[in-house]
């Protein structure tokens, strides 16, 4: 769980100085966020099309989430090849939500579009982010490679959450780490984007990872 130590550790992370876009200032505590909030962090939620980014943000957000969902078209279907049946809408700009951990740390969650053609917007959203939660789908692990590669190129620390679908193939952790080429220190968890407890757990795993990285580098 988060505590004041969480905010202190994140405050020592690179880019956590006052006014840096990675840590939005907590303006007028009590009006927009609870008075107890001591720090804030911008977090990306990334992954391929249809992996559950919009669902996860909507599940955990304590405010009405902002979503830029649009109907998928035949023209888009010709280039958006990784689409599971039943998917009728897609994020075309961003998703946004807010979650408070343990009363003192606010996470501003930015969901990225999943299609490679939106990569320029994806990279713009990454500016000022402290870290990322990468969602993957074991029905098509290859579809996640671009998102994970982009995070590595940006040097952005991340945790990986396997979003469980009813028909998801089961793999043990060693197999998944090998398939996704994850470093030993990269957190790998499972979640159901529709379930608040497991989705919050995935985000806490990311925050813990960021704290450990910040503590080791201080």
N, C-alpha and C. Protein backbone atom coordinates (compact mmCIF):
# COMPACT_ATOMS: atom_id res chain seq x y z
N UNK A 1 0.83 -1.19 0.00
CA UNK A 1 0.00 0.00 0.00
C UNK A 1 0.87 1.25 0.00
N UNK A 2 0.30 2.31 -0.51
CA UNK A 2 1.06 3.56 -0.55
C UNK A 2 0.98 4.24 0.81
N UNK A 3 1.96 5.06 1.08
CA UNK A 3 2.00 5.87 2.29
C UNK A 3 2.77 7.12 1.96
N UNK A 4 3.10 7.93 2.98
CA UNK A 4 3.89 9.12 2.70
C UNK A 4 5.25 8.73 2.14
N UNK A 5 5.75 7.56 2.52
CA UNK A 5 7.03 7.10 1.98
C UNK A 5 6.97 6.94 0.47
N UNK A 6 5.79 6.58 -0.03
CA UNK A 6 5.62 6.46 -1.49
C UNK A 6 5.84 7.81 -2.14
N UNK A 7 5.17 8.82 -1.63
CA UNK A 7 5.31 10.15 -2.21
C UNK A 7 6.73 10.65 -2.09
N UNK A 8 7.38 10.38 -0.92
CA UNK A 8 8.75 10.82 -0.73
C UNK A 8 9.69 10.15 -1.71
N UNK A 9 9.50 8.84 -1.91
CA UNK A 9 10.38 8.11 -2.83
C UNK A 9 10.20 8.58 -4.26
N UNK A 10 8.95 8.76 -4.66
CA UNK A 10 8.69 9.23 -6.01
C UNK A 10 9.20 10.65 -6.18
N UNK A 11 9.14 11.42 -5.09
CA UNK A 11 9.65 12.78 -5.16
C UNK A 11 11.14 12.85 -5.39
N UNK A 12 11.87 11.75 -5.08
CA UNK A 12 13.31 11.73 -5.31
C UNK A 12 13.65 11.20 -6.69
N UNK A 13 12.63 10.73 -7.42
CA UNK A 13 12.88 10.17 -8.75
C UNK A 13 13.31 11.26 -9.71
N UNK A 14 14.06 10.89 -10.77
CA UNK A 14 14.45 11.89 -11.77
C UNK A 14 13.22 12.57 -12.36
N UNK A 15 13.26 13.90 -12.46
CA UNK A 15 12.14 14.62 -13.05
C UNK A 15 11.05 14.95 -12.07
N UNK A 16 11.30 14.73 -10.78
CA UNK A 16 10.25 14.99 -9.79
C UNK A 16 10.35 16.37 -9.19
N UNK A 17 11.21 17.22 -9.73
CA UNK A 17 11.33 18.56 -9.18
C UNK A 17 10.05 19.34 -9.40
N UNK A 18 9.83 20.37 -8.59
CA UNK A 18 8.62 21.18 -8.70
C UNK A 18 8.50 21.75 -10.08
N UNK A 19 7.31 21.65 -10.64
CA UNK A 19 7.05 22.22 -11.95
C UNK A 19 7.33 21.29 -13.10
N UNK A 20 7.96 20.13 -12.84
CA UNK A 20 8.20 19.18 -13.93
C UNK A 20 6.90 18.53 -14.34
N UNK A 21 6.66 18.36 -15.66
CA UNK A 21 5.38 17.80 -16.09
C UNK A 21 5.16 16.36 -15.65
N UNK A 22 6.23 15.65 -15.23
CA UNK A 22 6.04 14.28 -14.78
C UNK A 22 5.28 14.18 -13.48
N UNK A 23 5.35 15.21 -12.66
CA UNK A 23 4.62 15.24 -11.40
C UNK A 23 3.75 16.48 -11.35
N UNK A 24 2.51 16.40 -11.84
CA UNK A 24 1.64 17.57 -11.84
C UNK A 24 1.45 18.11 -10.44
N UNK A 25 1.49 19.42 -10.26
CA UNK A 25 1.30 19.98 -8.92
C UNK A 25 -0.09 19.67 -8.40
N UNK A 26 -0.18 19.46 -7.10
CA UNK A 26 -1.47 19.20 -6.47
C UNK A 26 -2.08 20.54 -6.13
N UNK A 27 -2.85 21.08 -7.06
CA UNK A 27 -3.41 22.42 -6.90
C UNK A 27 -4.64 22.39 -5.99
N UNK A 28 -4.66 23.30 -5.05
CA UNK A 28 -5.80 23.48 -4.14
C UNK A 28 -6.31 22.15 -3.58
N UNK A 29 -5.49 21.45 -2.79
CA UNK A 29 -5.97 20.20 -2.18
C UNK A 29 -7.28 20.43 -1.45
N UNK A 30 -8.18 19.48 -1.62
CA UNK A 30 -9.49 19.60 -1.00
C UNK A 30 -10.55 20.04 -1.98
N UNK A 31 -10.12 20.69 -3.07
CA UNK A 31 -11.08 21.10 -4.09
C UNK A 31 -11.10 20.09 -5.23
N UNK A 32 -9.91 19.74 -5.73
CA UNK A 32 -9.83 18.80 -6.83
C UNK A 32 -9.44 17.40 -6.37
N UNK A 33 -8.64 17.32 -5.31
CA UNK A 33 -8.23 16.04 -4.73
C UNK A 33 -8.33 16.17 -3.21
N UNK A 34 -8.32 15.03 -2.47
CA UNK A 34 -8.42 15.11 -1.01
C UNK A 34 -7.27 15.91 -0.40
N UNK A 35 -7.51 16.58 0.73
CA UNK A 35 -6.46 17.38 1.37
C UNK A 35 -5.24 16.58 1.77
N UNK A 36 -5.40 15.26 1.94
CA UNK A 36 -4.29 14.41 2.38
C UNK A 36 -3.28 14.14 1.28
N UNK A 37 -3.63 14.44 0.04
CA UNK A 37 -2.76 14.10 -1.09
C UNK A 37 -1.48 14.91 -1.03
N UNK A 38 -0.33 14.19 -1.08
CA UNK A 38 0.97 14.84 -0.98
C UNK A 38 1.73 14.84 -2.31
N UNK A 39 1.34 13.99 -3.25
CA UNK A 39 2.08 13.91 -4.51
C UNK A 39 1.21 13.35 -5.61
N UNK A 40 1.67 13.53 -6.84
CA UNK A 40 0.92 13.05 -8.00
C UNK A 40 1.90 12.55 -9.05
N UNK A 41 1.47 11.61 -9.86
CA UNK A 41 2.32 11.06 -10.90
C UNK A 41 1.50 10.78 -12.15
N UNK A 42 2.08 11.06 -13.30
CA UNK A 42 1.47 10.74 -14.58
C UNK A 42 1.90 9.33 -14.98
N UNK A 43 0.93 8.48 -15.25
CA UNK A 43 1.18 7.09 -15.59
C UNK A 43 0.51 6.76 -16.92
N UNK A 44 1.25 6.10 -17.81
CA UNK A 44 0.66 5.63 -19.06
C UNK A 44 0.07 4.23 -18.87
N UNK A 45 -1.00 3.96 -19.59
CA UNK A 45 -1.54 2.60 -19.71
C UNK A 45 -1.49 2.27 -21.20
N UNK A 46 -0.64 1.31 -21.55
CA UNK A 46 -0.36 1.04 -22.95
C UNK A 46 -0.66 -0.41 -23.30
N UNK A 47 -0.68 -0.68 -24.60
CA UNK A 47 -0.91 -2.03 -25.08
C UNK A 47 -1.57 -2.00 -26.43
N UNK A 48 -1.71 -3.16 -27.07
CA UNK A 48 -2.29 -3.21 -28.41
C UNK A 48 -3.79 -2.97 -28.41
N UNK A 49 -4.33 -2.85 -29.58
CA UNK A 49 -5.76 -2.63 -29.77
C UNK A 49 -6.57 -3.75 -29.12
N UNK A 50 -7.56 -3.35 -28.31
CA UNK A 50 -8.48 -4.32 -27.73
C UNK A 50 -7.97 -5.05 -26.51
N UNK A 51 -6.85 -4.60 -25.91
CA UNK A 51 -6.28 -5.33 -24.79
C UNK A 51 -6.94 -4.97 -23.46
N UNK A 52 -7.72 -3.87 -23.42
CA UNK A 52 -8.45 -3.53 -22.20
C UNK A 52 -8.02 -2.26 -21.50
N UNK A 53 -7.29 -1.40 -22.20
CA UNK A 53 -6.81 -0.16 -21.57
C UNK A 53 -7.96 0.74 -21.14
N UNK A 54 -8.92 0.98 -22.02
CA UNK A 54 -10.06 1.83 -21.71
C UNK A 54 -10.86 1.24 -20.55
N UNK A 55 -11.04 -0.08 -20.57
CA UNK A 55 -11.80 -0.74 -19.52
C UNK A 55 -11.11 -0.59 -18.18
N UNK A 56 -9.79 -0.81 -18.13
CA UNK A 56 -9.06 -0.72 -16.86
C UNK A 56 -9.14 0.68 -16.28
N UNK A 57 -8.92 1.70 -17.11
CA UNK A 57 -8.98 3.07 -16.61
C UNK A 57 -10.38 3.40 -16.10
N UNK A 58 -11.40 2.98 -16.83
CA UNK A 58 -12.77 3.21 -16.38
C UNK A 58 -13.10 2.49 -15.10
N UNK A 59 -12.48 1.32 -14.89
CA UNK A 59 -12.74 0.53 -13.69
C UNK A 59 -12.16 1.17 -12.44
N UNK A 60 -10.95 1.72 -12.55
CA UNK A 60 -10.27 2.23 -11.34
C UNK A 60 -10.46 3.72 -11.12
N UNK A 61 -10.91 4.46 -12.14
CA UNK A 61 -10.97 5.91 -12.01
C UNK A 61 -12.01 6.35 -10.99
N UNK A 62 -11.62 7.28 -10.12
CA UNK A 62 -12.53 7.82 -9.10
C UNK A 62 -13.32 9.01 -9.63
N UNK A 63 -13.01 9.44 -10.85
CA UNK A 63 -13.78 10.48 -11.52
C UNK A 63 -14.36 9.88 -12.79
N UNK A 64 -15.32 10.57 -13.38
CA UNK A 64 -15.84 10.10 -14.67
C UNK A 64 -14.71 10.13 -15.68
N UNK A 65 -14.32 8.97 -16.23
CA UNK A 65 -13.16 8.95 -17.12
C UNK A 65 -13.45 9.65 -18.43
N UNK A 66 -12.39 10.25 -18.99
CA UNK A 66 -12.47 10.82 -20.33
C UNK A 66 -12.07 9.74 -21.31
N UNK A 67 -12.91 9.51 -22.30
CA UNK A 67 -12.61 8.50 -23.31
C UNK A 67 -12.87 9.06 -24.69
N UNK A 68 -11.98 8.77 -25.62
CA UNK A 68 -12.15 9.24 -27.00
C UNK A 68 -12.40 8.04 -27.90
N UNK A 69 -13.41 7.27 -27.55
CA UNK A 69 -13.77 6.10 -28.33
C UNK A 69 -14.52 6.52 -29.59
N UNK A 70 -14.19 5.87 -30.70
CA UNK A 70 -14.88 6.11 -31.96
C UNK A 70 -15.19 4.76 -32.60
N UNK A 71 -16.23 4.74 -33.41
CA UNK A 71 -16.61 3.51 -34.09
C UNK A 71 -15.51 3.11 -35.07
N UNK A 72 -15.20 1.82 -35.08
CA UNK A 72 -14.24 1.32 -36.05
C UNK A 72 -14.89 1.27 -37.43
N UNK A 73 -14.12 1.64 -38.43
CA UNK A 73 -14.64 1.70 -39.80
C UNK A 73 -13.99 0.62 -40.66
N UNK A 74 -14.57 0.40 -41.83
CA UNK A 74 -13.98 -0.57 -42.76
C UNK A 74 -12.60 -0.12 -43.23
N UNK A 75 -12.44 1.19 -43.40
CA UNK A 75 -11.13 1.70 -43.83
C UNK A 75 -10.08 1.41 -42.78
N UNK A 76 -10.44 1.62 -41.50
CA UNK A 76 -9.49 1.35 -40.42
C UNK A 76 -9.20 -0.13 -40.27
N UNK A 77 -10.20 -0.96 -40.53
CA UNK A 77 -10.03 -2.40 -40.39
C UNK A 77 -8.95 -2.95 -41.31
N UNK A 78 -8.70 -2.26 -42.42
CA UNK A 78 -7.69 -2.73 -43.37
C UNK A 78 -6.28 -2.56 -42.82
N UNK A 79 -6.09 -1.65 -41.86
CA UNK A 79 -4.75 -1.43 -41.30
C UNK A 79 -4.64 -1.88 -39.85
N UNK A 80 -5.77 -1.95 -39.14
CA UNK A 80 -5.76 -2.39 -37.75
C UNK A 80 -6.03 -3.90 -37.74
N UNK A 81 -4.96 -4.67 -37.91
CA UNK A 81 -5.13 -6.10 -38.14
C UNK A 81 -5.37 -6.90 -36.88
N UNK A 82 -4.89 -6.43 -35.72
CA UNK A 82 -5.02 -7.20 -34.48
C UNK A 82 -6.33 -6.81 -33.79
N UNK A 83 -7.43 -7.30 -34.32
CA UNK A 83 -8.75 -6.98 -33.76
C UNK A 83 -9.49 -8.27 -33.48
N UNK A 84 -9.90 -8.46 -32.22
CA UNK A 84 -10.67 -9.64 -31.87
C UNK A 84 -12.15 -9.40 -32.17
N UNK A 85 -12.86 -10.45 -32.45
CA UNK A 85 -14.27 -10.34 -32.80
C UNK A 85 -15.04 -9.66 -31.69
N UNK A 86 -16.01 -8.83 -32.07
CA UNK A 86 -16.83 -8.11 -31.10
C UNK A 86 -16.32 -6.72 -30.81
N UNK A 87 -15.12 -6.38 -31.24
CA UNK A 87 -14.56 -5.05 -31.01
C UNK A 87 -15.15 -4.10 -32.03
N UNK A 88 -15.91 -3.09 -31.57
CA UNK A 88 -16.58 -2.18 -32.49
C UNK A 88 -16.11 -0.73 -32.36
N UNK A 89 -15.40 -0.41 -31.25
CA UNK A 89 -14.91 0.95 -31.07
C UNK A 89 -13.42 0.91 -30.74
N UNK A 90 -12.77 2.06 -30.89
CA UNK A 90 -11.36 2.15 -30.59
C UNK A 90 -11.01 3.55 -30.09
N UNK A 91 -9.99 3.63 -29.25
CA UNK A 91 -9.50 4.93 -28.77
C UNK A 91 -8.72 5.61 -29.89
N UNK A 92 -9.05 6.86 -30.16
CA UNK A 92 -8.39 7.57 -31.25
C UNK A 92 -7.51 8.72 -30.76
N UNK A 93 -7.53 9.02 -29.49
CA UNK A 93 -6.66 10.08 -28.96
C UNK A 93 -6.07 9.62 -27.63
N UNK A 94 -6.91 9.55 -26.59
CA UNK A 94 -6.44 9.09 -25.28
C UNK A 94 -7.63 8.75 -24.41
N UNK A 95 -7.34 8.01 -23.35
CA UNK A 95 -8.26 7.83 -22.23
C UNK A 95 -7.62 8.50 -21.03
N UNK A 96 -8.44 9.01 -20.12
CA UNK A 96 -7.89 9.67 -18.94
C UNK A 96 -8.73 9.33 -17.73
N UNK A 97 -8.04 9.03 -16.64
CA UNK A 97 -8.71 8.79 -15.37
C UNK A 97 -7.80 9.18 -14.23
N UNK A 98 -8.34 9.16 -13.02
CA UNK A 98 -7.57 9.54 -11.84
C UNK A 98 -7.85 8.55 -10.72
N UNK A 99 -6.79 8.15 -10.04
CA UNK A 99 -6.94 7.21 -8.93
C UNK A 99 -6.04 7.64 -7.78
N UNK A 100 -6.57 7.64 -6.56
CA UNK A 100 -5.79 7.97 -5.37
C UNK A 100 -5.43 6.69 -4.63
N UNK A 101 -4.14 6.53 -4.32
CA UNK A 101 -3.66 5.35 -3.61
C UNK A 101 -3.41 5.72 -2.15
N UNK A 102 -4.09 5.03 -1.24
CA UNK A 102 -3.88 5.18 0.20
C UNK A 102 -4.06 6.61 0.68
N UNK A 103 -4.81 7.42 -0.07
CA UNK A 103 -5.16 8.76 0.37
C UNK A 103 -4.13 9.83 0.15
N UNK A 104 -2.87 9.47 -0.25
CA UNK A 104 -1.85 10.51 -0.33
C UNK A 104 -1.12 10.58 -1.66
N UNK A 105 -1.39 9.67 -2.57
CA UNK A 105 -0.73 9.69 -3.88
C UNK A 105 -1.77 9.57 -4.99
N UNK A 106 -1.80 10.56 -5.86
CA UNK A 106 -2.73 10.55 -6.99
C UNK A 106 -2.01 10.08 -8.24
N UNK A 107 -2.62 9.15 -8.94
CA UNK A 107 -2.13 8.71 -10.25
C UNK A 107 -3.04 9.29 -11.32
N UNK A 108 -2.46 10.02 -12.25
CA UNK A 108 -3.18 10.48 -13.43
C UNK A 108 -2.91 9.48 -14.54
N UNK A 109 -3.94 8.77 -14.96
CA UNK A 109 -3.80 7.66 -15.89
C UNK A 109 -4.12 8.09 -17.32
N UNK A 110 -3.18 7.89 -18.21
CA UNK A 110 -3.36 8.24 -19.62
C UNK A 110 -3.28 6.97 -20.46
N UNK A 111 -4.40 6.60 -21.07
CA UNK A 111 -4.43 5.45 -21.95
C UNK A 111 -4.09 5.84 -23.37
N UNK A 112 -3.21 5.07 -24.00
CA UNK A 112 -2.76 5.39 -25.35
C UNK A 112 -3.56 4.61 -26.39
N UNK A 113 -3.66 5.14 -27.62
CA UNK A 113 -4.24 4.35 -28.71
C UNK A 113 -3.38 3.12 -28.96
N UNK A 114 -4.02 2.02 -29.34
CA UNK A 114 -3.27 0.78 -29.49
C UNK A 114 -2.66 0.54 -30.85
N UNK A 115 -3.11 1.26 -31.88
CA UNK A 115 -2.66 0.98 -33.23
C UNK A 115 -1.31 1.64 -33.52
N UNK A 116 -0.44 0.95 -34.27
CA UNK A 116 0.85 1.52 -34.64
C UNK A 116 0.74 2.86 -35.37
N UNK A 117 -0.35 3.08 -36.09
CA UNK A 117 -0.48 4.33 -36.85
C UNK A 117 -0.66 5.55 -35.93
N UNK A 118 -0.96 5.31 -34.65
CA UNK A 118 -1.08 6.41 -33.69
C UNK A 118 0.18 6.61 -32.87
N UNK A 119 1.30 6.03 -33.31
CA UNK A 119 2.54 6.12 -32.54
C UNK A 119 2.97 7.56 -32.26
N UNK A 120 2.88 8.51 -33.21
CA UNK A 120 3.26 9.90 -32.86
C UNK A 120 2.49 10.44 -31.67
N UNK A 121 1.18 10.20 -31.61
CA UNK A 121 0.38 10.64 -30.46
C UNK A 121 0.79 9.89 -29.20
N UNK A 122 1.10 8.63 -29.35
CA UNK A 122 1.55 7.77 -28.25
C UNK A 122 2.79 8.37 -27.61
N UNK A 123 3.76 8.77 -28.42
CA UNK A 123 5.01 9.32 -27.89
C UNK A 123 4.79 10.69 -27.25
N UNK A 124 3.87 11.48 -27.79
CA UNK A 124 3.56 12.76 -27.16
C UNK A 124 2.97 12.55 -25.77
N UNK A 125 2.08 11.57 -25.64
CA UNK A 125 1.48 11.29 -24.34
C UNK A 125 2.52 10.82 -23.32
N UNK A 126 3.60 10.22 -23.79
CA UNK A 126 4.62 9.69 -22.89
C UNK A 126 5.44 10.79 -22.22
N UNK A 127 5.42 12.00 -22.77
CA UNK A 127 6.23 13.08 -22.21
C UNK A 127 5.79 13.40 -20.78
N UNK A 128 6.74 13.41 -19.88
CA UNK A 128 6.43 13.72 -18.48
C UNK A 128 5.89 12.56 -17.67
N UNK A 129 5.78 11.38 -18.27
CA UNK A 129 5.26 10.23 -17.53
C UNK A 129 6.35 9.65 -16.63
N UNK A 130 5.93 9.18 -15.47
CA UNK A 130 6.87 8.57 -14.53
C UNK A 130 7.06 7.09 -14.81
N UNK A 131 6.06 6.46 -15.41
CA UNK A 131 6.15 5.04 -15.71
C UNK A 131 4.92 4.61 -16.49
N UNK A 132 4.84 3.31 -16.78
CA UNK A 132 3.74 2.81 -17.60
C UNK A 132 3.31 1.42 -17.13
N UNK A 133 2.02 1.15 -17.27
CA UNK A 133 1.48 -0.19 -17.10
C UNK A 133 1.17 -0.72 -18.49
N UNK A 134 1.84 -1.79 -18.88
CA UNK A 134 1.64 -2.38 -20.21
C UNK A 134 0.72 -3.59 -20.10
N UNK A 135 -0.43 -3.51 -20.73
CA UNK A 135 -1.36 -4.64 -20.75
C UNK A 135 -1.04 -5.56 -21.92
N UNK A 136 -1.09 -6.86 -21.66
CA UNK A 136 -0.88 -7.84 -22.73
C UNK A 136 -2.02 -8.85 -22.71
N UNK A 137 -2.19 -9.51 -23.85
CA UNK A 137 -3.24 -10.49 -24.05
C UNK A 137 -2.57 -11.77 -24.54
N UNK A 138 -2.69 -12.86 -23.77
CA UNK A 138 -2.01 -14.09 -24.14
C UNK A 138 -2.59 -14.74 -25.39
N UNK A 139 -3.74 -14.27 -25.86
CA UNK A 139 -4.27 -14.78 -27.13
C UNK A 139 -3.45 -14.30 -28.31
N UNK A 140 -2.68 -13.22 -28.11
CA UNK A 140 -1.85 -12.68 -29.18
C UNK A 140 -0.71 -11.87 -28.55
N UNK A 141 0.28 -12.58 -28.02
CA UNK A 141 1.39 -11.91 -27.36
C UNK A 141 2.19 -11.04 -28.33
N UNK A 142 2.28 -11.47 -29.58
CA UNK A 142 3.07 -10.72 -30.56
C UNK A 142 2.55 -9.29 -30.73
N UNK A 143 1.25 -9.11 -30.55
CA UNK A 143 0.66 -7.78 -30.73
C UNK A 143 1.18 -6.79 -29.69
N UNK A 144 1.74 -7.29 -28.59
CA UNK A 144 2.24 -6.41 -27.53
C UNK A 144 3.69 -5.97 -27.75
N UNK A 145 4.38 -6.58 -28.71
CA UNK A 145 5.81 -6.31 -28.87
C UNK A 145 6.09 -4.84 -29.18
N UNK A 146 5.27 -4.22 -30.02
CA UNK A 146 5.51 -2.82 -30.38
C UNK A 146 5.44 -1.91 -29.16
N UNK A 147 4.40 -2.10 -28.32
CA UNK A 147 4.23 -1.26 -27.15
C UNK A 147 5.40 -1.42 -26.18
N UNK A 148 5.82 -2.67 -25.94
CA UNK A 148 6.94 -2.91 -25.03
C UNK A 148 8.24 -2.33 -25.61
N UNK A 149 8.42 -2.48 -26.91
CA UNK A 149 9.60 -1.92 -27.54
C UNK A 149 9.63 -0.41 -27.46
N UNK A 150 8.47 0.23 -27.61
CA UNK A 150 8.40 1.68 -27.51
C UNK A 150 8.78 2.16 -26.11
N UNK A 151 8.30 1.45 -25.09
CA UNK A 151 8.64 1.82 -23.72
C UNK A 151 10.14 1.71 -23.48
N UNK A 152 10.75 0.65 -24.01
CA UNK A 152 12.19 0.47 -23.85
C UNK A 152 12.95 1.57 -24.59
N UNK A 153 12.48 1.93 -25.79
CA UNK A 153 13.14 3.00 -26.55
C UNK A 153 13.08 4.33 -25.81
N UNK A 154 11.96 4.56 -25.12
CA UNK A 154 11.78 5.80 -24.38
C UNK A 154 12.49 5.79 -23.04
N UNK A 155 12.98 4.62 -22.62
CA UNK A 155 13.60 4.50 -21.32
C UNK A 155 12.63 4.67 -20.18
N UNK A 156 11.35 4.33 -20.41
CA UNK A 156 10.30 4.52 -19.41
C UNK A 156 10.12 3.23 -18.61
N UNK A 157 10.29 3.27 -17.29
CA UNK A 157 10.09 2.05 -16.50
C UNK A 157 8.63 1.60 -16.57
N UNK A 158 8.43 0.28 -16.54
CA UNK A 158 7.06 -0.23 -16.69
C UNK A 158 6.89 -1.55 -15.98
N UNK A 159 5.62 -1.87 -15.73
CA UNK A 159 5.21 -3.18 -15.26
C UNK A 159 4.29 -3.77 -16.32
N UNK A 160 4.23 -5.09 -16.38
CA UNK A 160 3.39 -5.78 -17.36
C UNK A 160 2.25 -6.47 -16.63
N UNK A 161 1.03 -6.27 -17.12
CA UNK A 161 -0.15 -6.91 -16.55
C UNK A 161 -0.83 -7.74 -17.65
N UNK A 162 -0.96 -9.02 -17.41
CA UNK A 162 -1.66 -9.90 -18.34
C UNK A 162 -3.15 -9.78 -18.06
N UNK A 163 -3.90 -9.21 -19.00
CA UNK A 163 -5.34 -9.07 -18.83
C UNK A 163 -6.00 -10.39 -19.20
N UNK A 164 -6.70 -10.98 -18.25
CA UNK A 164 -7.28 -12.30 -18.44
C UNK A 164 -8.64 -12.23 -19.11
N UNK A 165 -8.73 -12.86 -20.28
CA UNK A 165 -10.00 -13.01 -20.98
C UNK A 165 -10.48 -14.45 -20.79
N UNK A 166 -11.78 -14.70 -20.95
CA UNK A 166 -12.30 -16.06 -20.72
C UNK A 166 -11.57 -17.14 -21.52
N UNK A 167 -11.16 -16.81 -22.74
CA UNK A 167 -10.51 -17.79 -23.60
C UNK A 167 -9.00 -17.65 -23.65
N UNK A 168 -8.42 -16.92 -22.68
CA UNK A 168 -6.97 -16.70 -22.68
C UNK A 168 -6.20 -17.99 -22.43
N UNK A 169 -5.19 -18.29 -23.25
CA UNK A 169 -4.32 -19.44 -22.96
C UNK A 169 -3.55 -19.19 -21.67
N UNK A 170 -3.28 -20.27 -20.94
CA UNK A 170 -2.55 -20.16 -19.68
C UNK A 170 -1.08 -20.47 -19.90
N UNK A 171 -0.20 -19.62 -19.37
CA UNK A 171 1.24 -19.82 -19.44
C UNK A 171 1.83 -19.53 -18.06
N UNK A 172 2.91 -20.23 -17.72
CA UNK A 172 3.54 -19.90 -16.45
C UNK A 172 4.41 -18.66 -16.62
N UNK A 173 4.84 -18.10 -15.49
CA UNK A 173 5.56 -16.83 -15.50
C UNK A 173 6.86 -16.92 -16.30
N UNK A 174 7.56 -18.02 -16.16
CA UNK A 174 8.84 -18.16 -16.87
C UNK A 174 8.63 -18.12 -18.37
N UNK A 175 7.59 -18.79 -18.86
CA UNK A 175 7.29 -18.79 -20.30
C UNK A 175 6.92 -17.40 -20.78
N UNK A 176 6.10 -16.70 -20.01
CA UNK A 176 5.68 -15.36 -20.41
C UNK A 176 6.85 -14.39 -20.43
N UNK A 177 7.70 -14.47 -19.43
CA UNK A 177 8.86 -13.58 -19.39
C UNK A 177 9.77 -13.83 -20.59
N UNK A 178 9.94 -15.08 -20.94
CA UNK A 178 10.79 -15.40 -22.09
C UNK A 178 10.14 -14.91 -23.38
N UNK A 179 8.84 -15.12 -23.52
CA UNK A 179 8.14 -14.72 -24.75
C UNK A 179 8.14 -13.21 -24.92
N UNK A 180 8.03 -12.47 -23.81
CA UNK A 180 7.98 -11.01 -23.87
C UNK A 180 9.36 -10.37 -23.69
N UNK A 181 10.37 -11.20 -23.46
CA UNK A 181 11.76 -10.73 -23.31
C UNK A 181 11.86 -9.67 -22.21
N UNK A 182 11.32 -10.00 -21.04
CA UNK A 182 11.31 -9.05 -19.92
C UNK A 182 12.56 -9.18 -19.07
N UNK A 183 13.04 -8.06 -18.55
CA UNK A 183 14.14 -8.07 -17.61
C UNK A 183 13.66 -8.68 -16.29
N UNK A 184 14.57 -9.28 -15.53
CA UNK A 184 14.16 -9.94 -14.27
C UNK A 184 13.44 -9.00 -13.30
N UNK A 185 13.83 -7.71 -13.31
CA UNK A 185 13.22 -6.78 -12.36
C UNK A 185 11.89 -6.21 -12.81
N UNK A 186 11.48 -6.48 -14.04
CA UNK A 186 10.20 -5.95 -14.54
C UNK A 186 9.04 -6.73 -13.92
N UNK A 187 8.15 -6.07 -13.19
CA UNK A 187 7.01 -6.78 -12.59
C UNK A 187 6.11 -7.39 -13.65
N UNK A 188 5.64 -8.60 -13.39
CA UNK A 188 4.69 -9.28 -14.27
C UNK A 188 3.56 -9.81 -13.40
N UNK A 189 2.35 -9.28 -13.61
CA UNK A 189 1.19 -9.67 -12.82
C UNK A 189 0.05 -10.02 -13.75
N UNK A 190 -1.01 -10.59 -13.19
CA UNK A 190 -2.24 -10.83 -13.94
C UNK A 190 -3.34 -9.95 -13.37
N UNK A 191 -4.30 -9.62 -14.22
CA UNK A 191 -5.43 -8.83 -13.75
C UNK A 191 -6.63 -9.08 -14.65
N UNK A 192 -7.77 -8.66 -14.18
CA UNK A 192 -8.99 -8.60 -14.98
C UNK A 192 -9.36 -7.13 -15.03
N UNK A 193 -9.25 -6.51 -16.21
CA UNK A 193 -9.47 -5.06 -16.33
C UNK A 193 -10.87 -4.64 -15.88
N UNK A 194 -11.79 -5.58 -15.79
CA UNK A 194 -13.15 -5.27 -15.34
C UNK A 194 -13.28 -5.29 -13.82
N UNK A 195 -12.26 -5.80 -13.14
CA UNK A 195 -12.30 -5.98 -11.70
C UNK A 195 -11.42 -4.93 -11.02
N UNK A 196 -12.02 -4.14 -10.14
CA UNK A 196 -11.29 -3.03 -9.52
C UNK A 196 -10.13 -3.52 -8.66
N UNK A 197 -10.33 -4.56 -7.88
CA UNK A 197 -9.29 -5.02 -6.97
C UNK A 197 -8.04 -5.44 -7.74
N UNK A 198 -8.21 -6.28 -8.77
CA UNK A 198 -7.02 -6.76 -9.49
C UNK A 198 -6.39 -5.66 -10.34
N UNK A 199 -7.21 -4.73 -10.86
CA UNK A 199 -6.66 -3.64 -11.65
C UNK A 199 -5.85 -2.68 -10.78
N UNK A 200 -6.39 -2.36 -9.59
CA UNK A 200 -5.63 -1.53 -8.65
C UNK A 200 -4.35 -2.25 -8.24
N UNK A 201 -4.43 -3.56 -8.05
CA UNK A 201 -3.25 -4.33 -7.69
C UNK A 201 -2.15 -4.22 -8.74
N UNK A 202 -2.54 -4.22 -10.01
CA UNK A 202 -1.56 -4.09 -11.08
C UNK A 202 -0.89 -2.72 -11.02
N UNK A 203 -1.65 -1.68 -10.76
CA UNK A 203 -1.08 -0.34 -10.67
C UNK A 203 -0.19 -0.19 -9.43
N UNK A 204 -0.55 -0.83 -8.34
CA UNK A 204 0.29 -0.79 -7.15
C UNK A 204 1.61 -1.51 -7.41
N UNK A 205 1.57 -2.60 -8.19
CA UNK A 205 2.81 -3.29 -8.55
C UNK A 205 3.73 -2.35 -9.33
N UNK A 206 3.14 -1.55 -10.20
CA UNK A 206 3.94 -0.57 -10.95
C UNK A 206 4.52 0.48 -10.01
N UNK A 207 3.69 1.02 -9.13
CA UNK A 207 4.15 2.06 -8.20
C UNK A 207 5.28 1.53 -7.32
N UNK A 208 5.14 0.30 -6.84
CA UNK A 208 6.19 -0.30 -6.02
C UNK A 208 7.49 -0.42 -6.81
N UNK A 209 7.38 -0.79 -8.08
CA UNK A 209 8.55 -0.88 -8.95
C UNK A 209 9.21 0.48 -9.12
N UNK A 210 8.41 1.52 -9.29
CA UNK A 210 8.96 2.88 -9.44
C UNK A 210 9.65 3.33 -8.16
N UNK A 211 9.05 2.99 -7.01
CA UNK A 211 9.66 3.36 -5.73
C UNK A 211 11.02 2.67 -5.58
N UNK A 212 11.05 1.38 -5.88
CA UNK A 212 12.31 0.64 -5.74
C UNK A 212 13.38 1.22 -6.66
N UNK A 213 13.00 1.55 -7.90
CA UNK A 213 13.96 2.11 -8.84
C UNK A 213 14.46 3.47 -8.37
N UNK A 214 13.52 4.29 -7.83
CA UNK A 214 13.90 5.61 -7.35
C UNK A 214 14.80 5.51 -6.12
N UNK A 215 14.51 4.57 -5.24
CA UNK A 215 15.31 4.40 -4.03
C UNK A 215 16.72 3.93 -4.36
N UNK A 216 16.83 3.00 -5.31
CA UNK A 216 18.14 2.46 -5.69
C UNK A 216 19.02 3.51 -6.37
N UNK A 217 18.36 4.46 -7.08
CA UNK A 217 19.14 5.45 -7.81
C UNK A 217 19.46 6.69 -6.98
N UNK A 218 18.86 6.78 -5.78
CA UNK A 218 19.08 7.97 -4.94
C UNK A 218 20.37 7.86 -4.13
